Amino acid sequence: METATIYPPDAARYGTERPIGLSRWLLFVAALVVMMVAVGGITRLTESGLSITEWKPVTGAIPPLNQAQWQAEFEAYKQIPEYIEVNGPAGMTLAEYKFIYFWEWMHRLLGRVIGLAFALPLMWFWARRAIPAGYKPRLVALLALGGLQGVFGWLMVKSGTGPDAMPSMRTDVSHYWLSIHLMTALFTLGGLVWTALDLRNWSRNDPHARLRGFTVVVLAILGVQLLYGAWMAGLDAGYVAGGGLWDAWPMMQGSLFPDGIDWSRGMFHALTADPFAVHFIHRWWAWVAVAALVMMARRLRAKDRRISIMIHAAFGTQILLGILTVWTGMALWVAVAHQVVGALVLASAVWGAHALGYRDRMPRSALR
């Protein structure tokens, strides 16, 4: 007796294209990027980012395996300003060095994992002709962004270990390079989510979404907030809030507007590199971002209530975590949660912008 051939759902509906499979894969990679943001936050907060002084894309995946190798890595670390000025005088031990090495190594390892998790399935989908027409350039661009992210990460590390760091004895990475590194990751996250949603629309013959004027403004406002969050991390600006609950928020060291801003180096430096000014702008621009997200959520409420709820939940949690971060004196796990939820706020805003990207009609939910 002959049995009927069972085809995968995608094959039965679309031929060789696999839009749903591609969408799930991209959302999985997006989840890995959020995890990367978490590990990056831990790396920054534990001051681990300069512990590995060389960039070895292949062999660097293997950590030191014996005492001699560990000692060699430690000796290399002893040559940079962070050790000379900070950790050396504090009497850092090899065991303490291994702790910060672990987090930087984990951060770089996860970057390699994400690269493989994107590149290998991409080659498989490509070979199987599973990528719908018009999507190959976009997927290649996302792959290139991932590679660029690694380059920016190394340039960030080099800013605190290379020749530019030595004359001035810079003991930390450039906060500008840190922001470029983080913002590239978040831009990639947004691209992954948007493309995954577009593929689900393609599977139903619905049109691609487009960024409209309103959603561009909302995402730009949110982008400014995320940029200042990156500068906060790079400048350790969370520590300038002051002590005590109400002195740390809503006040800063007992006053609404901080007294410690250095205007002597010009307006640009004050607004982008002074920890007091950066902290002040980050905490109050947050409410501009909240207002924009509330307006987005209201427009979405009649179209897809789930997205509206997600946006409200994300920014509400983020505001509470931001306040708790300064109230707890930058407690590690609270600060890391604040950074991770920031990535989720972006993902929910991209979802909302995608849903609002239809002039005439709203397709069935992209995540059903």
Protein backbone atom coordinates (compact mmCIF):
# COMPACT_ATOMS: atom_id res chain seq x y z
CA MET A 1 0.00 0.00 0.00
CA GLU A 2 1.37 3.38 -0.98
CA THR A 3 1.61 6.08 1.66
CA ALA A 4 1.21 9.77 0.98
CA THR A 5 4.38 11.83 0.96
CA ILE A 6 4.44 14.28 3.83
CA TYR A 7 6.04 17.60 2.93
CA PRO A 8 7.23 20.19 5.41
CA PRO A 9 4.63 22.97 5.73
CA ASP A 10 6.87 25.56 4.09
CA ALA A 11 7.61 23.32 1.11
CA ALA A 12 3.95 22.56 0.54
CA ARG A 13 3.03 26.25 0.50
CA TYR A 14 6.01 28.09 -0.98
CA GLY A 15 8.15 25.61 -2.93
CA THR A 16 11.81 25.75 -1.90
CA GLU A 17 11.49 28.97 0.11
CA ARG A 18 11.39 28.61 3.89
CA PRO A 19 10.17 31.97 5.23
CA ILE A 20 8.95 30.64 8.58
CA GLY A 21 12.13 28.64 9.13
CA LEU A 22 14.22 31.68 8.27
CA SER A 23 12.16 33.85 10.60
CA ARG A 24 12.58 31.47 13.53
CA TRP A 25 16.31 31.27 12.89
CA LEU A 26 16.65 35.07 12.87
CA LEU A 27 14.68 35.40 16.10
CA PHE A 28 16.96 32.78 17.67
CA VAL A 29 20.01 34.80 16.62
CA ALA A 30 18.30 37.92 18.01
CA ALA A 31 17.95 36.13 21.36
CA LEU A 32 21.69 35.36 21.25
CA VAL A 33 22.39 39.06 20.64
CA VAL A 34 20.35 39.94 23.75
CA MET A 35 22.43 37.39 25.66
CA MET A 36 25.55 39.05 24.24
CA VAL A 37 24.33 42.39 25.58
CA ALA A 38 23.96 40.79 29.02
CA VAL A 39 27.46 39.30 29.00
CA GLY A 40 28.84 42.58 27.65
CA GLY A 41 27.20 44.38 30.55
CA ILE A 42 28.80 42.03 33.06
CA THR A 43 32.15 42.44 31.31
CA ARG A 44 31.91 46.20 31.60
CA LEU A 45 30.66 46.30 35.18
CA THR A 46 33.37 43.91 36.40
CA GLU A 47 36.04 45.97 34.58
CA SER A 48 37.01 42.86 32.60
CA GLY A 49 37.14 44.32 29.10
CA LEU A 50 40.91 44.93 29.00
CA SER A 51 41.97 41.63 30.51
CA ILE A 52 42.79 40.06 27.11
CA THR A 53 45.27 42.34 25.37
CA GLU A 54 45.41 40.59 21.98
CA TRP A 55 42.84 39.81 19.32
CA LYS A 56 43.15 36.27 18.03
CA PRO A 57 39.93 35.50 16.12
CA VAL A 58 40.62 31.74 15.84
CA THR A 59 43.17 30.64 18.44
CA GLY A 60 41.75 33.08 20.99
CA ALA A 61 38.75 30.80 21.42
CA ILE A 62 40.95 28.52 23.53
CA PRO A 63 41.74 29.94 27.00
CA PRO A 64 45.06 29.32 28.79
CA LEU A 65 45.34 25.63 29.66
CA ASN A 66 48.29 25.54 32.05
CA GLN A 67 50.03 27.70 34.62
CA ALA A 68 52.68 28.93 32.18
CA GLN A 69 50.07 30.15 29.72
CA TRP A 70 48.12 31.88 32.47
CA GLN A 71 51.26 33.60 33.69
CA ALA A 72 52.07 34.78 30.15
CA GLU A 73 48.60 36.32 29.79
CA PHE A 74 48.93 37.97 33.18
CA GLU A 75 52.31 39.41 32.27
CA ALA A 76 50.86 40.89 29.07
CA TYR A 77 48.06 42.46 31.12
CA LYS A 78 50.64 43.97 33.49
CA GLN A 79 51.95 46.13 30.63
CA ILE A 80 48.76 48.17 30.16
CA PRO A 81 47.75 51.31 32.10
CA GLU A 82 44.77 49.66 33.82
CA TYR A 83 47.10 47.32 35.69
CA ILE A 84 49.90 49.87 36.19
CA GLU A 85 47.61 52.55 37.61
CA VAL A 86 44.72 50.61 39.19
CA ASN A 87 44.98 46.87 39.71
CA GLY A 88 48.74 46.63 40.24
CA PRO A 89 48.82 49.04 43.21
CA ALA A 90 45.75 47.23 44.58
CA GLY A 91 47.75 43.99 44.63
CA MET A 92 45.83 41.99 42.03
CA THR A 93 46.51 38.25 42.26
CA LEU A 94 46.53 35.71 39.46
CA ALA A 95 43.24 34.32 40.76
CA GLU A 96 41.65 37.76 40.54
CA TYR A 97 43.02 38.17 37.03
CA LYS A 98 41.48 34.84 36.02
CA PHE A 99 38.08 36.15 37.10
CA ILE A 100 38.16 39.20 34.81
CA TYR A 101 39.76 37.14 32.04
CA PHE A 102 36.83 34.72 32.19
CA TRP A 103 34.22 37.37 31.47
CA GLU A 104 36.10 38.94 28.58
CA TRP A 105 36.82 35.49 27.15
CA MET A 106 33.13 34.54 27.53
CA HIS A 107 32.11 37.76 25.80
CA ARG A 108 34.38 37.05 22.85
CA LEU A 109 33.39 33.37 22.74
CA LEU A 110 29.70 34.27 22.56
CA GLY A 111 30.52 36.63 19.69
CA ARG A 112 32.09 33.71 17.82
CA VAL A 113 29.07 31.53 18.59
CA ILE A 114 26.72 34.17 17.20
CA GLY A 115 28.85 34.44 14.07
CA LEU A 116 28.64 30.69 13.48
CA ALA A 117 24.94 30.60 14.41
CA PHE A 118 24.33 33.12 11.64
CA ALA A 119 26.84 32.16 8.96
CA LEU A 120 26.37 28.38 8.90
CA PRO A 121 22.54 28.34 8.67
CA LEU A 122 22.74 31.16 6.12
CA MET A 123 24.93 28.99 3.89
CA TRP A 124 22.56 26.05 4.35
CA PHE A 125 19.45 28.10 3.49
CA TRP A 126 21.28 29.61 0.54
CA ALA A 127 22.36 26.21 -0.82
CA ARG A 128 18.83 24.84 -0.44
CA ARG A 129 17.39 27.86 -2.29
CA ALA A 130 15.25 28.54 0.75
CA ILE A 131 15.75 32.32 0.82
CA PRO A 132 12.94 34.29 -0.85
CA ALA A 133 13.83 36.71 -3.62
CA GLY A 134 15.17 40.04 -2.38
CA TYR A 135 16.30 38.81 1.04
CA LYS A 136 19.84 37.66 0.23
CA PRO A 137 21.37 41.17 0.25
CA ARG A 138 19.68 41.96 3.56
CA LEU A 139 20.93 38.77 5.18
CA VAL A 140 24.45 39.36 3.89
CA ALA A 141 24.28 42.90 5.31
CA LEU A 142 23.30 41.51 8.71
CA LEU A 143 26.24 39.09 8.53
CA ALA A 144 28.56 41.99 7.67
CA LEU A 145 27.20 43.95 10.65
CA GLY A 146 28.14 41.05 12.89
CA GLY A 147 31.69 41.08 11.54
CA LEU A 148 31.87 44.83 11.95
CA GLN A 149 30.73 44.42 15.53
CA GLY A 150 33.81 42.29 16.24
CA VAL A 151 36.09 44.90 14.64
CA PHE A 152 34.53 47.68 16.71
CA GLY A 153 34.93 45.55 19.84
CA TRP A 154 38.64 45.18 19.19
CA LEU A 155 39.08 48.90 18.44
CA MET A 156 37.34 49.56 21.76
CA VAL A 157 39.78 47.29 23.61
CA LYS A 158 42.73 48.79 21.73
CA SER A 159 41.70 52.26 22.90
CA GLY A 160 42.57 51.14 26.43
CA THR A 161 45.59 48.94 25.70
CA GLY A 162 47.29 50.28 22.57
CA PRO A 163 49.76 53.13 21.93
CA ASP A 164 47.05 55.78 22.31
CA ALA A 165 46.37 54.62 25.86
CA MET A 166 49.97 54.56 27.04
CA PRO A 167 51.06 58.22 26.81
CA SER A 168 48.01 59.41 28.73
CA MET A 169 47.92 56.27 30.89
CA ARG A 170 44.25 55.76 30.02
CA THR A 171 42.99 53.09 32.40
CA ASP A 172 39.75 52.40 30.59
CA VAL A 173 38.35 52.01 27.09
CA SER A 174 37.11 54.98 25.13
CA HIS A 175 33.45 55.48 25.94
CA TYR A 176 32.93 56.59 22.35
CA TRP A 177 34.18 53.24 21.02
CA LEU A 178 32.11 51.45 23.65
CA SER A 179 28.99 53.24 22.43
CA ILE A 180 29.78 52.39 18.79
CA HIS A 181 30.26 48.75 19.82
CA LEU A 182 26.98 48.58 21.75
CA MET A 183 24.90 50.61 19.30
CA THR A 184 26.04 48.38 16.42
CA ALA A 185 24.83 45.36 18.40
CA LEU A 186 21.47 47.01 19.05
CA PHE A 187 21.13 48.09 15.40
CA THR A 188 21.82 44.49 14.39
CA LEU A 189 19.20 43.30 16.88
CA GLY A 190 16.64 45.64 15.34
CA GLY A 191 17.52 44.44 11.84
CA LEU A 192 17.14 40.81 12.84
CA VAL A 193 13.70 41.39 14.38
CA TRP A 194 12.47 43.50 11.46
CA THR A 195 13.65 40.97 8.86
CA ALA A 196 12.10 38.07 10.78
CA LEU A 197 8.76 39.89 10.83
CA ASP A 198 9.01 40.74 7.11
CA LEU A 199 9.57 37.06 6.32
CA ARG A 200 6.40 36.13 8.19
CA ASN A 201 4.51 38.70 6.13
CA TRP A 202 6.01 37.24 2.96
CA SER A 203 4.70 33.81 3.94
CA ARG A 204 1.15 35.23 3.90
CA ASN A 205 1.64 37.37 0.79
CA ASP A 206 1.31 40.48 2.94
CA PRO A 207 3.35 43.57 1.94
CA HIS A 208 6.62 44.49 3.56
CA ALA A 209 6.41 47.07 6.31
CA ARG A 210 8.00 50.45 5.88
CA LEU A 211 9.32 52.93 8.39
CA ARG A 212 6.92 55.87 8.57
CA GLY A 213 7.67 59.37 9.79
CA PHE A 214 6.17 58.83 13.23
CA THR A 215 8.01 55.57 13.88
CA VAL A 216 11.30 57.06 12.67
CA VAL A 217 10.91 59.81 15.28
CA VAL A 218 10.09 57.31 18.05
CA LEU A 219 13.06 55.09 17.18
CA ALA A 220 15.35 58.13 16.94
CA ILE A 221 14.27 59.31 20.41
CA LEU A 222 14.85 55.82 21.78
CA GLY A 223 18.21 55.69 19.98
CA VAL A 224 19.37 58.85 21.78
CA GLN A 225 18.42 57.27 25.11
CA LEU A 226 20.30 54.06 24.29
CA LEU A 227 23.34 56.07 23.16
CA TYR A 228 23.42 57.95 26.45
CA GLY A 229 23.05 54.64 28.24
CA ALA A 230 26.17 53.41 26.43
CA TRP A 231 28.04 56.57 27.41
CA MET A 232 26.84 56.06 30.99
CA ALA A 233 28.46 52.63 30.99
CA GLY A 234 31.67 53.84 29.35
CA LEU A 235 32.09 56.76 31.75
CA ASP A 236 31.00 54.84 34.88
CA ALA A 237 28.52 57.67 35.21
CA GLY A 238 26.11 55.62 37.30
CA TYR A 239 28.38 56.15 40.30
CA VAL A 240 28.06 59.95 40.34
CA ALA A 241 24.42 59.96 41.46
CA GLY A 242 25.30 60.20 45.14
CA GLY A 243 24.48 58.23 48.27
CA GLY A 244 21.14 57.44 49.87
CA LEU A 245 17.84 56.74 48.19
CA TRP A 246 16.41 60.17 47.45
CA ASP A 247 19.84 61.77 46.97
CA ALA A 248 20.56 59.24 44.18
CA TRP A 249 17.13 59.56 42.50
CA PRO A 250 15.32 61.78 41.68
CA MET A 251 18.04 64.06 43.01
CA MET A 252 21.74 63.87 42.15
CA GLN A 253 23.90 64.49 45.20
CA GLY A 254 21.09 66.41 46.85
CA SER A 255 20.04 68.64 43.95
CA LEU A 256 17.96 68.23 40.83
CA PHE A 257 20.70 69.58 38.51
CA PRO A 258 24.20 68.34 39.32
CA ASP A 259 26.90 70.85 40.30
CA GLY A 260 29.86 68.86 39.05
CA ILE A 261 29.55 69.40 35.27
CA ASP A 262 32.81 70.63 33.74
CA TRP A 263 31.95 73.24 31.09
CA SER A 264 35.55 74.40 30.68
CA ARG A 265 36.23 72.06 27.74
CA GLY A 266 33.24 73.20 25.75
CA MET A 267 29.60 72.27 25.28
CA PHE A 268 30.25 69.19 23.12
CA HIS A 269 32.60 67.64 25.64
CA ALA A 270 30.22 68.36 28.51
CA LEU A 271 27.22 66.82 26.76
CA THR A 272 29.05 63.73 25.50
CA ALA A 273 31.90 63.06 27.92
CA ASP A 274 31.15 64.62 31.30
CA PRO A 275 29.74 61.91 33.61
CA PHE A 276 27.49 64.31 35.52
CA ALA A 277 25.92 65.77 32.37
CA VAL A 278 25.61 62.40 30.66
CA HIS A 279 23.90 60.91 33.72
CA PHE A 280 21.53 63.87 34.02
CA ILE A 281 20.54 63.69 30.34
CA HIS A 282 20.12 59.91 30.42
CA ARG A 283 17.79 59.92 33.41
CA TRP A 284 15.55 62.74 32.16
CA TRP A 285 15.57 62.02 28.42
CA ALA A 286 14.14 58.66 29.48
CA TRP A 287 10.81 60.40 30.05
CA VAL A 288 10.85 61.80 26.51
CA ALA A 289 11.39 58.23 25.29
CA VAL A 290 8.55 57.01 27.53
CA ALA A 291 6.17 59.63 26.09
CA ALA A 292 7.08 58.60 22.54
CA LEU A 293 6.61 54.92 23.33
CA VAL A 294 3.25 55.58 25.00
CA MET A 295 2.06 57.34 21.84
CA MET A 296 3.26 54.40 19.75
CA ALA A 297 1.52 51.93 22.06
CA ARG A 298 -1.76 53.89 21.86
CA ARG A 299 -1.71 53.70 18.08
CA LEU A 300 -1.13 49.96 18.30
CA ARG A 301 -3.81 49.23 20.87
CA ALA A 302 -6.63 48.84 18.33
CA LYS A 303 -4.47 46.92 15.85
CA ASP A 304 -2.60 44.45 18.04
CA ARG A 305 -3.04 44.84 21.76
CA ARG A 306 -0.23 42.40 22.52
CA ILE A 307 2.39 44.75 21.07
CA SER A 308 0.98 47.66 23.08
CA ILE A 309 1.18 45.60 26.27
CA MET A 310 4.73 44.48 25.43
CA ILE A 311 5.93 48.05 24.90
CA HIS A 312 4.36 49.26 28.17
CA ALA A 313 5.76 46.31 30.11
CA ALA A 314 9.24 46.77 28.65
CA PHE A 315 9.65 50.48 29.29
CA GLY A 316 7.92 50.27 32.68
CA THR A 317 10.33 47.59 33.83
CA GLN A 318 13.24 49.54 32.38
CA ILE A 319 12.36 52.71 34.31
CA LEU A 320 12.13 50.79 37.59
CA LEU A 321 15.43 49.03 36.94
CA GLY A 322 17.10 52.33 36.12
CA ILE A 323 16.01 53.82 39.43
CA LEU A 324 17.01 50.68 41.33
CA THR A 325 20.41 50.71 39.63
CA VAL A 326 21.34 54.08 41.16
CA TRP A 327 19.58 53.35 44.45
CA THR A 328 21.61 50.15 44.89
CA GLY A 329 24.87 51.87 44.00
CA MET A 330 25.23 50.06 40.64
CA ALA A 331 24.56 46.56 42.01
CA LEU A 332 25.87 44.21 39.34
CA TRP A 333 22.78 42.15 38.55
CA VAL A 334 20.40 45.10 38.71
CA ALA A 335 22.59 47.09 36.31
CA VAL A 336 22.91 44.11 33.96
CA ALA A 337 19.14 43.60 34.01
CA HIS A 338 18.73 47.29 33.17
CA GLN A 339 20.95 46.87 30.11
CA VAL A 340 19.20 43.69 28.97
CA VAL A 341 15.71 45.17 29.32
CA GLY A 342 16.96 48.16 27.31
CA ALA A 343 17.57 45.74 24.43
CA LEU A 344 14.07 44.33 24.91
CA VAL A 345 12.60 47.85 24.83
CA LEU A 346 14.28 48.30 21.47
CA ALA A 347 13.00 44.94 20.19
CA SER A 348 9.43 45.77 21.25
CA ALA A 349 9.67 49.22 19.66
CA VAL A 350 10.87 47.66 16.40
CA TRP A 351 7.95 45.22 16.56
CA GLY A 352 5.61 48.17 17.05
CA ALA A 353 7.21 50.18 14.24
CA HIS A 354 6.85 47.17 11.94
CA ALA A 355 3.19 46.77 12.82
CA LEU A 356 2.59 50.47 12.12
CA GLY A 357 4.39 50.25 8.80
CA TYR A 358 1.24 49.64 6.76
CA ARG A 359 -0.57 52.61 5.32
CA ASP A 360 -3.84 50.93 4.41
CA ARG A 361 -4.22 47.79 6.49
CA MET A 362 -2.82 45.84 9.35
CA PRO A 363 -1.94 42.23 8.47
CA ARG A 364 -2.62 39.39 10.80
CA SER A 365 -0.21 39.32 13.74
CA ALA A 366 3.31 38.68 12.52
CA LEU A 367 4.07 36.42 15.46
CA ARG A 368 1.09 34.06 15.13
